Amino acid sequence: MSFGSARTSNRCGHYRVRVPSTQQAIAFALAALAPALPVGCLFALTGASDLPQAAHVQAAPTIAAVFTSGLAEDHTCSASVITSKTHDLLITAAHCISGDGSGVSVAPGYDAGKTPYGVWPVTAVFVDPAWQSDHAAPNDIAILRVAESDTETGSRKLQDVTGSNPLGATPAASTTVTVQGFNLGIDDHAISCASGLGVLRGNPTFRCDGYVGGSSGSPWLVTGADGVTRVIGVIGGLNEGGCTNQTSFSPVFDTNVQDLLAHAENSGIEGDTLPTAGPAPLCSTDSESPTD
C-alpha cells in the first residue's frame, strides 16, 4: 500500500497511490511524537469514512517492523513470527523482499523507536516458485529466516523470545479478522483494526481505514474456538495489498502456505533469491470494484 511516489523507493511496502486524509496525516504526526503506549492502549486514526478506523497500539511481541536500510531509516513492511519447528521464521508479503534478503532486519514489538525484543538480521527468504517466475498476486507470500541472538546465557531463537502464532487457512466470509502491523515510518507505533472478512472475486478482503504505505506483510489474525490465534493472511496479493487505504487484500492461505512453511523448515541454510525489484506497478481501482 502506498500513499505517494515519494515513498516508494523499494519494493518493501505497497505501491498503490494511497493518499491519507489531512486528519490522518495529523494523527500520524501526533502519534510519532507520543510516548510509548502501554500494551492495548489505542490512539485512533481519524478518517472520513464510516468504516472501522485503525488505531495505534503497542505492537505484540510477534509483530515485527521490517527494515531494509537499518533502523535509522523508515521501516518499510511488516512481518510476524510464525510457529515452526526451527523457531526462527516470520511471514510477510513476497513483494517486500528482493534478492536473498541480505541487509534486511526485523524488530519484533517495535514501538516508538524501541526494540524490546532485539533486532534480528534476515539470513534467508523462501517463496513459492511461481512467485519467482510471474510475481502473480496469489503467490505474494514470503517466509523469512533470521539469525540466532547471542546472549550472556547462550544463543536464543526468535520464537523462543517472542512467542509465535501458527499458520492457518483463510476462514469463511464474515469471520472477524484483526490486522496489526506498521505503516511506513520510524519512531512510531503499530496500528491495529478488527473487521469482518470479505471476499472480492476470490480475494480475501479487509475493510478498515488507515492502512497506507508500508503496511504490506501485516498479518491477518483470527482466534479460533480453541483459543489459538492463527495467521490466516498478510496484506499483499491483489494490487500488492490494495489501491486505497480503506481496503486491503491478502492471498488465499491454504495448503500453499503449509507447503511454503515445510520448504523453509527443511531447506537448511539455503534460501531463495528473488528477482530484483522492478518499477512500481500501476494501481487499478477498477480491479477492486465490487462489480466488473
C-alpha atoms as a PDB file:
ATOM      1  CA  MET A   1       0.000   0.000   0.000  1.00  0.00           C
ATOM      2  CA  SER A   2       1.338   3.385  -0.883  1.00  0.00           C
ATOM      3  CA  PHE A   3       0.363   6.998  -0.452  1.00  0.00           C
ATOM      4  CA  GLY A   4       2.658   8.639  -2.937  1.00  0.00           C
ATOM      5  CA  SER A   5       5.626   8.099  -5.215  1.00  0.00           C
ATOM      6  CA  ALA A   6       7.987   9.946  -2.886  1.00  0.00           C
ATOM      7  CA  ARG A   7       7.953   6.964  -0.529  1.00  0.00           C
ATOM      8  CA  THR A   8       8.114   4.065  -2.969  1.00  0.00           C
ATOM      9  CA  SER A   9      11.873   3.757  -3.397  1.00  0.00           C
ATOM     10  CA  ASN A  10      11.903  -0.027  -2.979  1.00  0.00           C
ATOM     11  CA  ARG A  11       9.529  -2.946  -3.104  1.00  0.00           C
ATOM     12  CA  CYS A  12       9.031  -3.125   0.632  1.00  0.00           C
ATOM     13  CA  GLY A  13       5.526  -1.750   1.044  1.00  0.00           C
ATOM     14  CA  HIS A  14       2.525  -1.113  -1.110  1.00  0.00           C
ATOM     15  CA  TYR A  15       2.834   0.780  -4.340  1.00  0.00           C
ATOM     16  CA  ARG A  16      -0.703   1.922  -4.860  1.00  0.00           C
ATOM     17  CA  VAL A  17      -1.401   5.641  -4.662  1.00  0.00           C
ATOM     18  CA  ARG A  18      -2.978   5.819  -1.238  1.00  0.00           C
ATOM     19  CA  VAL A  19      -3.433   9.399  -0.103  1.00  0.00           C
ATOM     20  CA  PRO A  20      -4.311   9.691   3.593  1.00  0.00           C
ATOM     21  CA  SER A  21      -6.721  12.379   4.655  1.00  0.00           C
ATOM     22  CA  THR A  22      -5.475  15.547   6.325  1.00  0.00           C
ATOM     23  CA  GLN A  23      -6.891  14.272   9.609  1.00  0.00           C
ATOM     24  CA  GLN A  24      -4.975  11.007   9.241  1.00  0.00           C
ATOM     25  CA  ALA A  25      -1.741  12.825   8.431  1.00  0.00           C
ATOM     26  CA  ILE A  26      -2.158  14.882  11.615  1.00  0.00           C
ATOM     27  CA  ALA A  27      -2.884  11.711  13.601  1.00  0.00           C
ATOM     28  CA  PHE A  28       0.257  10.029  12.237  1.00  0.00           C
ATOM     29  CA  ALA A  29       2.367  13.063  13.165  1.00  0.00           C
ATOM     30  CA  LEU A  30       0.950  13.250  16.678  1.00  0.00           C
ATOM     31  CA  ALA A  31       1.458   9.522  17.182  1.00  0.00           C
ATOM     32  CA  ALA A  32       5.105   9.820  16.217  1.00  0.00           C
ATOM     33  CA  LEU A  33       5.549  12.405  18.958  1.00  0.00           C
ATOM     34  CA  ALA A  34       3.655  10.439  21.567  1.00  0.00           C
ATOM     35  CA  PRO A  35       5.445   8.448  24.309  1.00  0.00           C
ATOM     36  CA  ALA A  36       5.464   4.682  24.223  1.00  0.00           C
ATOM     37  CA  LEU A  37       1.987   3.323  24.774  1.00  0.00           C
ATOM     38  CA  PRO A  38       1.014   0.621  27.251  1.00  0.00           C
ATOM     39  CA  VAL A  39       0.007  -2.629  25.584  1.00  0.00           C
ATOM     40  CA  GLY A  40      -3.534  -2.309  24.282  1.00  0.00           C
ATOM     41  CA  CYS A  41      -3.619   1.486  24.551  1.00  0.00           C
ATOM     42  CA  LEU A  42      -5.285   2.947  21.467  1.00  0.00           C
ATOM     43  CA  PHE A  43      -4.601   6.145  19.551  1.00  0.00           C
ATOM     44  CA  ALA A  44      -7.391   6.435  17.000  1.00  0.00           C
ATOM     45  CA  LEU A  45      -6.664   7.484  13.429  1.00  0.00           C
ATOM     46  CA  THR A  46      -9.263   9.919  12.163  1.00  0.00           C
ATOM     47  CA  GLY A  47     -10.761   9.033   8.799  1.00  0.00           C
ATOM     48  CA  ALA A  48     -13.507  10.337   6.579  1.00  0.00           C
ATOM     49  CA  SER A  49     -15.367   7.085   6.013  1.00  0.00           C
ATOM     50  CA  ASP A  50     -17.904   5.143   8.040  1.00  0.00           C
ATOM     51  CA  LEU A  51     -15.579   2.145   8.104  1.00  0.00           C
ATOM     52  CA  PRO A  52     -13.771   0.969  11.217  1.00  0.00           C
ATOM     53  CA  GLN A  53     -10.656   3.040  11.843  1.00  0.00           C
ATOM     54  CA  ALA A  54      -7.199   1.675  12.527  1.00  0.00           C
ATOM     55  CA  ALA A  55      -5.826   2.688  15.910  1.00  0.00           C
ATOM     56  CA  HIS A  56      -2.290   2.993  17.210  1.00  0.00           C
ATOM     57  CA  VAL A  57      -1.286   0.237  19.640  1.00  0.00           C
ATOM     58  CA  GLN A  58       1.874  -1.108  21.170  1.00  0.00           C
ATOM     59  CA  ALA A  59       2.844  -3.960  18.879  1.00  0.00           C
ATOM     60  CA  ALA A  60       2.505  -7.506  20.135  1.00  0.00           C
ATOM     61  CA  PRO A  61       5.876  -9.254  20.575  1.00  0.00           C
ATOM     62  CA  THR A  62       5.210 -11.346  17.466  1.00  0.00           C
ATOM     63  CA  ILE A  63       4.578  -8.320  15.207  1.00  0.00           C
ATOM     64  CA  ALA A  64       7.766  -7.024  13.594  1.00  0.00           C
ATOM     65  CA  ALA A  65       8.730  -3.935  11.645  1.00  0.00           C
ATOM     66  CA  VAL A  66      10.855  -4.766   8.599  1.00  0.00           C
ATOM     67  CA  PHE A  67      13.882  -2.589   7.873  1.00  0.00           C
ATOM     68  CA  THR A  68      15.878  -2.755   4.649  1.00  0.00           C
ATOM     69  CA  SER A  69      18.413   0.010   5.373  1.00  0.00           C
ATOM     70  CA  GLY A  70      18.957  -0.104   9.115  1.00  0.00           C
ATOM     71  CA  LEU A  71      16.943   1.355  11.968  1.00  0.00           C
ATOM     72  CA  ALA A  72      17.966   4.921  11.132  1.00  0.00           C
ATOM     73  CA  GLU A  73      15.727   4.729   8.044  1.00  0.00           C
ATOM     74  CA  ASP A  74      11.990   4.059   7.688  1.00  0.00           C
ATOM     75  CA  HIS A  75      10.650   0.565   8.247  1.00  0.00           C
ATOM     76  CA  THR A  76       9.008  -0.436   5.000  1.00  0.00           C
ATOM     77  CA  CYS A  77       6.938  -3.565   5.661  1.00  0.00           C
ATOM     78  CA  SER A  78       5.642  -5.723   8.473  1.00  0.00           C
ATOM     79  CA  ALA A  79       6.139  -9.383   9.338  1.00  0.00           C
ATOM     80  CA  SER A  80       5.005 -11.758  12.064  1.00  0.00           C
ATOM     81  CA  VAL A  81       6.639 -14.631  13.905  1.00  0.00           C
ATOM     82  CA  ILE A  82       5.083 -17.950  12.942  1.00  0.00           C
ATOM     83  CA  THR A  83       5.219 -21.263  14.757  1.00  0.00           C
ATOM     84  CA  SER A  84       7.812 -23.552  13.201  1.00  0.00           C
ATOM     85  CA  LYS A  85       9.970 -26.479  14.160  1.00  0.00           C
ATOM     86  CA  THR A  86      13.057 -24.327  13.505  1.00  0.00           C
ATOM     87  CA  HIS A  87      11.850 -21.497  15.803  1.00  0.00           C
ATOM     88  CA  ASP A  88      13.322 -18.791  13.537  1.00  0.00           C
ATOM     89  CA  LEU A  89      10.694 -17.910  10.903  1.00  0.00           C
ATOM     90  CA  LEU A  90       8.417 -14.965  10.090  1.00  0.00           C
ATOM     91  CA  ILE A  91       5.858 -14.444   7.331  1.00  0.00           C
ATOM     92  CA  THR A  92       5.430 -11.335   5.181  1.00  0.00           C
ATOM     93  CA  ALA A  93       4.476 -10.355   1.624  1.00  0.00           C
ATOM     94  CA  ALA A  94       6.857 -11.536  -1.101  1.00  0.00           C
ATOM     95  CA  HIS A  95       6.822  -8.129  -2.817  1.00  0.00           C
ATOM     96  CA  CYS A  96       8.507  -6.718   0.299  1.00  0.00           C
ATOM     97  CA  ILE A  97      11.775  -8.504  -0.454  1.00  0.00           C
ATOM     98  CA  SER A  98      14.309  -8.529  -3.276  1.00  0.00           C
ATOM     99  CA  GLY A  99      17.374 -10.709  -3.652  1.00  0.00           C
ATOM    100  CA  ASP A 100      18.270 -13.084  -0.839  1.00  0.00           C
ATOM    101  CA  GLY A 101      17.234 -10.781   1.996  1.00  0.00           C
ATOM    102  CA  SER A 102      20.754  -9.534   2.715  1.00  0.00           C
ATOM    103  CA  GLY A 103      20.664  -6.300   4.686  1.00  0.00           C
ATOM    104  CA  VAL A 104      17.071  -6.837   5.847  1.00  0.00           C
ATOM    105  CA  SER A 105      16.353  -6.969   9.574  1.00  0.00           C
ATOM    106  CA  VAL A 106      13.228  -7.281  11.696  1.00  0.00           C
ATOM    107  CA  ALA A 107      12.378  -5.665  15.015  1.00  0.00           C
ATOM    108  CA  PRO A 108       9.580  -7.565  16.822  1.00  0.00           C
ATOM    109  CA  GLY A 109       7.489  -5.480  19.191  1.00  0.00           C
ATOM    110  CA  TYR A 110       8.943  -2.268  17.728  1.00  0.00           C
ATOM    111  CA  ASP A 111       7.459   0.766  19.452  1.00  0.00           C
ATOM    112  CA  ALA A 112       8.409   4.441  19.183  1.00  0.00           C
ATOM    113  CA  GLY A 113      11.920   3.536  18.092  1.00  0.00           C
ATOM    114  CA  LYS A 114      12.448   0.995  20.874  1.00  0.00           C
ATOM    115  CA  THR A 115      13.271  -2.644  20.130  1.00  0.00           C
ATOM    116  CA  PRO A 116      12.358  -4.542  23.312  1.00  0.00           C
ATOM    117  CA  TYR A 117      12.901  -7.955  21.713  1.00  0.00           C
ATOM    118  CA  GLY A 118      16.025  -7.082  19.778  1.00  0.00           C
ATOM    119  CA  VAL A 119      16.840  -6.661  16.094  1.00  0.00           C
ATOM    120  CA  TRP A 120      17.220  -9.841  14.067  1.00  0.00           C
ATOM    121  CA  PRO A 121      19.031  -9.995  10.705  1.00  0.00           C
ATOM    122  CA  VAL A 122      17.386 -11.989   7.929  1.00  0.00           C
ATOM    123  CA  THR A 123      19.530 -14.885   6.714  1.00  0.00           C
ATOM    124  CA  ALA A 124      17.237 -16.487   4.118  1.00  0.00           C
ATOM    125  CA  VAL A 125      13.993 -15.891   2.209  1.00  0.00           C
ATOM    126  CA  PHE A 126      11.568 -18.520   0.923  1.00  0.00           C
ATOM    127  CA  VAL A 127       8.823 -18.057  -1.686  1.00  0.00           C
ATOM    128  CA  ASP A 128       6.636 -20.175  -3.926  1.00  0.00           C
ATOM    129  CA  PRO A 129       8.491 -20.971  -7.163  1.00  0.00           C
ATOM    130  CA  ALA A 130       5.612 -19.376  -9.067  1.00  0.00           C
ATOM    131  CA  TRP A 131       6.423 -16.008  -7.487  1.00  0.00           C
ATOM    132  CA  GLN A 132       9.889 -16.246  -8.968  1.00  0.00           C
ATOM    133  CA  SER A 133       8.503 -16.576 -12.479  1.00  0.00           C
ATOM    134  CA  ASP A 134       5.463 -14.318 -12.644  1.00  0.00           C
ATOM    135  CA  HIS A 135       5.003 -12.330  -9.402  1.00  0.00           C
ATOM    136  CA  ALA A 136       1.335 -13.373  -9.516  1.00  0.00           C
ATOM    137  CA  ALA A 137      -0.839 -11.973  -6.730  1.00  0.00           C
ATOM    138  CA  PRO A 138      -1.908 -15.390  -5.330  1.00  0.00           C
ATOM    139  CA  ASN A 139       1.760 -16.162  -4.576  1.00  0.00           C
ATOM    140  CA  ASP A 140       2.623 -12.894  -2.809  1.00  0.00           C
ATOM    141  CA  ILE A 141       3.820 -14.650   0.350  1.00  0.00           C
ATOM    142  CA  ALA A 142       7.340 -14.960   1.740  1.00  0.00           C
ATOM    143  CA  ILE A 143       8.835 -16.621   4.800  1.00  0.00           C
ATOM    144  CA  LEU A 144      11.930 -15.077   6.374  1.00  0.00           C
ATOM    145  CA  ARG A 145      14.544 -16.876   8.432  1.00  0.00           C
ATOM    146  CA  VAL A 146      16.527 -14.861  10.975  1.00  0.00           C
ATOM    147  CA  ALA A 147      19.807 -15.473  12.762  1.00  0.00           C
ATOM    148  CA  GLU A 148      20.037 -16.601  16.356  1.00  0.00           C
ATOM    149  CA  SER A 149      20.637 -13.952  19.005  1.00  0.00           C
ATOM    150  CA  ASP A 150      23.717 -14.236  21.201  1.00  0.00           C
ATOM    151  CA  THR A 151      23.093 -13.528  24.881  1.00  0.00           C
ATOM    152  CA  GLU A 152      25.051 -13.918  28.093  1.00  0.00           C
ATOM    153  CA  THR A 153      23.339 -17.246  28.625  1.00  0.00           C
ATOM    154  CA  GLY A 154      23.901 -18.512  25.073  1.00  0.00           C
ATOM    155  CA  SER A 155      22.169 -18.336  21.696  1.00  0.00           C
ATOM    156  CA  ARG A 156      18.408 -17.935  21.538  1.00  0.00           C
ATOM    157  CA  LYS A 157      16.000 -18.295  18.653  1.00  0.00           C
ATOM    158  CA  LEU A 158      13.371 -15.710  17.788  1.00  0.00           C
ATOM    159  CA  GLN A 159      10.299 -17.827  18.537  1.00  0.00           C
ATOM    160  CA  ASP A 160      11.671 -18.639  21.998  1.00  0.00           C
ATOM    161  CA  VAL A 161      11.967 -14.913  22.733  1.00  0.00           C
ATOM    162  CA  THR A 162       8.711 -13.544  21.280  1.00  0.00           C
ATOM    163  CA  GLY A 163       6.338 -16.459  21.089  1.00  0.00           C
ATOM    164  CA  SER A 164       4.585 -17.199  17.800  1.00  0.00           C
ATOM    165  CA  ASN A 165       1.307 -17.807  16.003  1.00  0.00           C
ATOM    166  CA  PRO A 166       0.677 -20.898  13.877  1.00  0.00           C
ATOM    167  CA  LEU A 167      -0.359 -20.584  10.256  1.00  0.00           C
ATOM    168  CA  GLY A 168      -4.000 -21.192   9.436  1.00  0.00           C
ATOM    169  CA  ALA A 169      -6.271 -21.291   6.402  1.00  0.00           C
ATOM    170  CA  THR A 170      -8.392 -18.444   5.075  1.00  0.00           C
ATOM    171  CA  PRO A 171     -11.646 -18.673   7.047  1.00  0.00           C
ATOM    172  CA  ALA A 172     -15.238 -18.168   5.957  1.00  0.00           C
ATOM    173  CA  ALA A 173     -16.518 -14.748   4.985  1.00  0.00           C
ATOM    174  CA  SER A 174     -17.623 -12.503   7.886  1.00  0.00           C
ATOM    175  CA  THR A 175     -15.116 -14.094  10.287  1.00  0.00           C
ATOM    176  CA  THR A 176     -13.674 -11.352  12.494  1.00  0.00           C
ATOM    177  CA  VAL A 177     -10.085 -10.659  11.478  1.00  0.00           C
ATOM    178  CA  THR A 178      -7.576  -8.437  13.283  1.00  0.00           C
ATOM    179  CA  VAL A 179      -4.774  -6.894  11.248  1.00  0.00           C
ATOM    180  CA  GLN A 180      -1.819  -5.494  13.182  1.00  0.00           C
ATOM    181  CA  GLY A 181       1.294  -4.030  11.609  1.00  0.00           C
ATOM    182  CA  PHE A 182       3.090  -0.835  10.691  1.00  0.00           C
ATOM    183  CA  ASN A 183       2.628   1.890   8.129  1.00  0.00           C
ATOM    184  CA  LEU A 184       5.799   3.282   6.573  1.00  0.00           C
ATOM    185  CA  GLY A 185       7.679   5.309   9.166  1.00  0.00           C
ATOM    186  CA  ILE A 186      10.163   5.480  12.011  1.00  0.00           C
ATOM    187  CA  ASP A 187       9.950   6.021  15.787  1.00  0.00           C
ATOM    188  CA  ASP A 188       6.234   5.235  15.601  1.00  0.00           C
ATOM    189  CA  HIS A 189       3.625   2.783  16.856  1.00  0.00           C
ATOM    190  CA  ALA A 190       1.889  -0.188  15.261  1.00  0.00           C
ATOM    191  CA  ILE A 191      -1.698   0.076  14.074  1.00  0.00           C
ATOM    192  CA  SER A 192      -4.488  -2.427  14.574  1.00  0.00           C
ATOM    193  CA  CYS A 193      -8.099  -2.905  13.494  1.00  0.00           C
ATOM    194  CA  ALA A 194     -10.716  -5.658  13.579  1.00  0.00           C
ATOM    195  CA  SER A 195     -13.298  -6.185  10.846  1.00  0.00           C
ATOM    196  CA  GLY A 196     -15.286  -8.924   9.165  1.00  0.00           C
ATOM    197  CA  LEU A 197     -13.519 -10.839   6.399  1.00  0.00           C
ATOM    198  CA  GLY A 198     -14.830 -10.121   2.917  1.00  0.00           C
ATOM    199  CA  VAL A 199     -14.198 -11.755  -0.434  1.00  0.00           C
ATOM    200  CA  LEU A 200     -13.855  -9.895  -3.738  1.00  0.00           C
ATOM    201  CA  ARG A 201     -13.699 -12.151  -6.784  1.00  0.00           C
ATOM    202  CA  GLY A 202     -11.882 -14.784  -4.758  1.00  0.00           C
ATOM    203  CA  ASN A 203      -9.552 -12.360  -2.966  1.00  0.00           C
ATOM    204  CA  PRO A 204      -9.752 -12.184   0.860  1.00  0.00           C
ATOM    205  CA  THR A 205     -10.668  -8.595   1.707  1.00  0.00           C
ATOM    206  CA  PHE A 206     -10.303  -6.479   4.845  1.00  0.00           C
ATOM    207  CA  ARG A 207     -12.169  -3.177   5.102  1.00  0.00           C
ATOM    208  CA  CYS A 208     -10.723  -0.746   7.648  1.00  0.00           C
ATOM    209  CA  ASP A 209      -9.439   2.790   7.130  1.00  0.00           C
ATOM    210  CA  GLY A 210      -5.831   3.715   7.871  1.00  0.00           C
ATOM    211  CA  TYR A 211      -3.599   1.073   6.252  1.00  0.00           C
ATOM    212  CA  VAL A 212      -1.396   3.171   3.981  1.00  0.00           C
ATOM    213  CA  GLY A 213       2.130   2.920   2.572  1.00  0.00           C
ATOM    214  CA  GLY A 214       4.423   0.329   4.123  1.00  0.00           C
ATOM    215  CA  SER A 215       1.749  -1.865   5.674  1.00  0.00           C
ATOM    216  CA  SER A 216       2.431  -4.797   3.335  1.00  0.00           C
ATOM    217  CA  GLY A 217       3.075  -8.028   5.173  1.00  0.00           C
ATOM    218  CA  SER A 218       0.915  -7.107   8.173  1.00  0.00           C
ATOM    219  CA  PRO A 219      -0.578 -10.363   9.473  1.00  0.00           C
ATOM    220  CA  TRP A 220      -4.288 -11.157   9.436  1.00  0.00           C
ATOM    221  CA  LEU A 221      -5.074 -12.830  12.757  1.00  0.00           C
ATOM    222  CA  VAL A 222      -8.052 -14.970  13.758  1.00  0.00           C
ATOM    223  CA  THR A 223      -8.635 -16.563  17.172  1.00  0.00           C
ATOM    224  CA  GLY A 224     -10.438 -19.874  16.801  1.00  0.00           C
ATOM    225  CA  ALA A 225     -12.858 -21.677  19.076  1.00  0.00           C
ATOM    226  CA  ASP A 226      -9.838 -23.487  20.526  1.00  0.00           C
ATOM    227  CA  GLY A 227      -8.445 -20.158  21.748  1.00  0.00           C
ATOM    228  CA  VAL A 228      -5.478 -20.307  19.377  1.00  0.00           C
ATOM    229  CA  THR A 229      -4.699 -17.185  17.334  1.00  0.00           C
ATOM    230  CA  ARG A 230      -3.540 -18.058  13.832  1.00  0.00           C
ATOM    231  CA  VAL A 231      -2.093 -16.090  10.931  1.00  0.00           C
ATOM    232  CA  ILE A 232      -4.588 -16.539   8.082  1.00  0.00           C
ATOM    233  CA  GLY A 233      -3.316 -13.873   5.696  1.00  0.00           C
ATOM    234  CA  VAL A 234      -0.955 -10.963   5.116  1.00  0.00           C
ATOM    235  CA  ILE A 235      -1.547  -7.616   3.436  1.00  0.00           C
ATOM    236  CA  GLY A 236      -0.488  -8.324  -0.136  1.00  0.00           C
ATOM    237  CA  GLY A 237      -1.842 -10.166  -3.135  1.00  0.00           C
ATOM    238  CA  LEU A 238      -4.181  -8.165  -5.396  1.00  0.00           C
ATOM    239  CA  ASN A 239      -2.565  -4.817  -6.267  1.00  0.00           C
ATOM    240  CA  GLU A 240       0.121  -5.703  -3.701  1.00  0.00           C
ATOM    241  CA  GLY A 241      -2.457  -5.264  -0.978  1.00  0.00           C
ATOM    242  CA  GLY A 242      -4.830  -2.642  -2.314  1.00  0.00           C
ATOM    243  CA  CYS A 243      -5.147   0.720  -4.052  1.00  0.00           C
ATOM    244  CA  THR A 244      -6.862   2.653  -1.263  1.00  0.00           C
ATOM    245  CA  ASN A 245      -6.289   2.979   2.457  1.00  0.00           C
ATOM    246  CA  GLN A 246      -9.806   1.656   3.163  1.00  0.00           C
ATOM    247  CA  THR A 247      -9.476  -1.771   1.532  1.00  0.00           C
ATOM    248  CA  SER A 248      -6.681  -4.320   1.948  1.00  0.00           C
ATOM    249  CA  PHE A 249      -6.215  -7.717   0.347  1.00  0.00           C
ATOM    250  CA  SER A 250      -4.405 -10.964   1.117  1.00  0.00           C
ATOM    251  CA  PRO A 251      -3.519 -14.018  -0.916  1.00  0.00           C
ATOM    252  CA  VAL A 252      -5.613 -17.054  -0.055  1.00  0.00           C
ATOM    253  CA  PHE A 253      -3.989 -19.160   2.674  1.00  0.00           C
ATOM    254  CA  ASP A 254      -4.476 -22.891   2.181  1.00  0.00           C
ATOM    255  CA  THR A 255      -2.121 -25.811   1.642  1.00  0.00           C
ATOM    256  CA  ASN A 256       0.109 -23.344  -0.216  1.00  0.00           C
ATOM    257  CA  VAL A 257       1.344 -21.738   3.000  1.00  0.00           C
ATOM    258  CA  GLN A 258       1.847 -25.070   4.710  1.00  0.00           C
ATOM    259  CA  ASP A 259       3.947 -26.210   1.741  1.00  0.00           C
ATOM    260  CA  LEU A 260       5.960 -22.993   1.923  1.00  0.00           C
ATOM    261  CA  LEU A 261       6.484 -23.464   5.658  1.00  0.00           C
ATOM    262  CA  ALA A 262       7.739 -27.004   5.070  1.00  0.00           C
ATOM    263  CA  HIS A 263      10.078 -25.676   2.372  1.00  0.00           C
ATOM    264  CA  ALA A 264      11.517 -23.134   4.833  1.00  0.00           C
ATOM    265  CA  GLU A 265      11.822 -25.636   7.669  1.00  0.00           C
ATOM    266  CA  ASN A 266      13.586 -28.256   5.567  1.00  0.00           C
ATOM    267  CA  SER A 267      15.895 -26.106   3.455  1.00  0.00           C
ATOM    268  CA  GLY A 268      18.820 -25.886   5.853  1.00  0.00           C
ATOM    269  CA  ILE A 269      20.758 -22.694   5.264  1.00  0.00           C
ATOM    270  CA  GLU A 270      19.743 -22.371   1.626  1.00  0.00           C
ATOM    271  CA  GLY A 271      17.060 -19.830   0.770  1.00  0.00           C
ATOM    272  CA  ASP A 272      15.647 -18.419  -2.461  1.00  0.00           C
ATOM    273  CA  THR A 273      16.921 -15.438  -4.412  1.00  0.00           C
ATOM    274  CA  LEU A 274      14.128 -13.166  -5.543  1.00  0.00           C
ATOM    275  CA  PRO A 275      14.358 -11.102  -8.742  1.00  0.00           C
ATOM    276  CA  THR A 276      15.468  -7.515  -8.334  1.00  0.00           C
ATOM    277  CA  ALA A 277      12.503  -5.230  -7.808  1.00  0.00           C
ATOM    278  CA  GLY A 278      11.257  -3.519 -10.929  1.00  0.00           C
ATOM    279  CA  PRO A 279       9.223  -0.335 -11.367  1.00  0.00           C
ATOM    280  CA  ALA A 280       6.210   0.068  -9.133  1.00  0.00           C
ATOM    281  CA  PRO A 281       3.100  -1.372 -10.794  1.00  0.00           C
ATOM    282  CA  LEU A 282       0.234   0.898 -11.722  1.00  0.00           C
ATOM    283  CA  CYS A 283      -2.637   0.508  -9.336  1.00  0.00           C
ATOM    284  CA  SER A 284      -6.075  -0.127 -10.751  1.00  0.00           C
ATOM    285  CA  THR A 285      -9.019   0.723  -8.550  1.00  0.00           C
ATOM    286  CA  ASP A 286     -11.226  -0.820 -11.254  1.00  0.00           C
ATOM    287  CA  SER A 287      -9.905  -4.236 -10.251  1.00  0.00           C
ATOM    288  CA  GLU A 288     -11.151  -3.575  -6.714  1.00  0.00           C
ATOM    289  CA  SER A 289     -14.675  -2.588  -7.673  1.00  0.00           C
ATOM    290  CA  PRO A 290     -17.376  -4.953  -6.395  1.00  0.00           C
ATOM    291  CA  THR A 291     -18.776  -5.103  -9.936  1.00  0.00           C
ATOM    292  CA  ASP A 292     -16.965  -5.654 -13.232  1.00  0.00           C
END
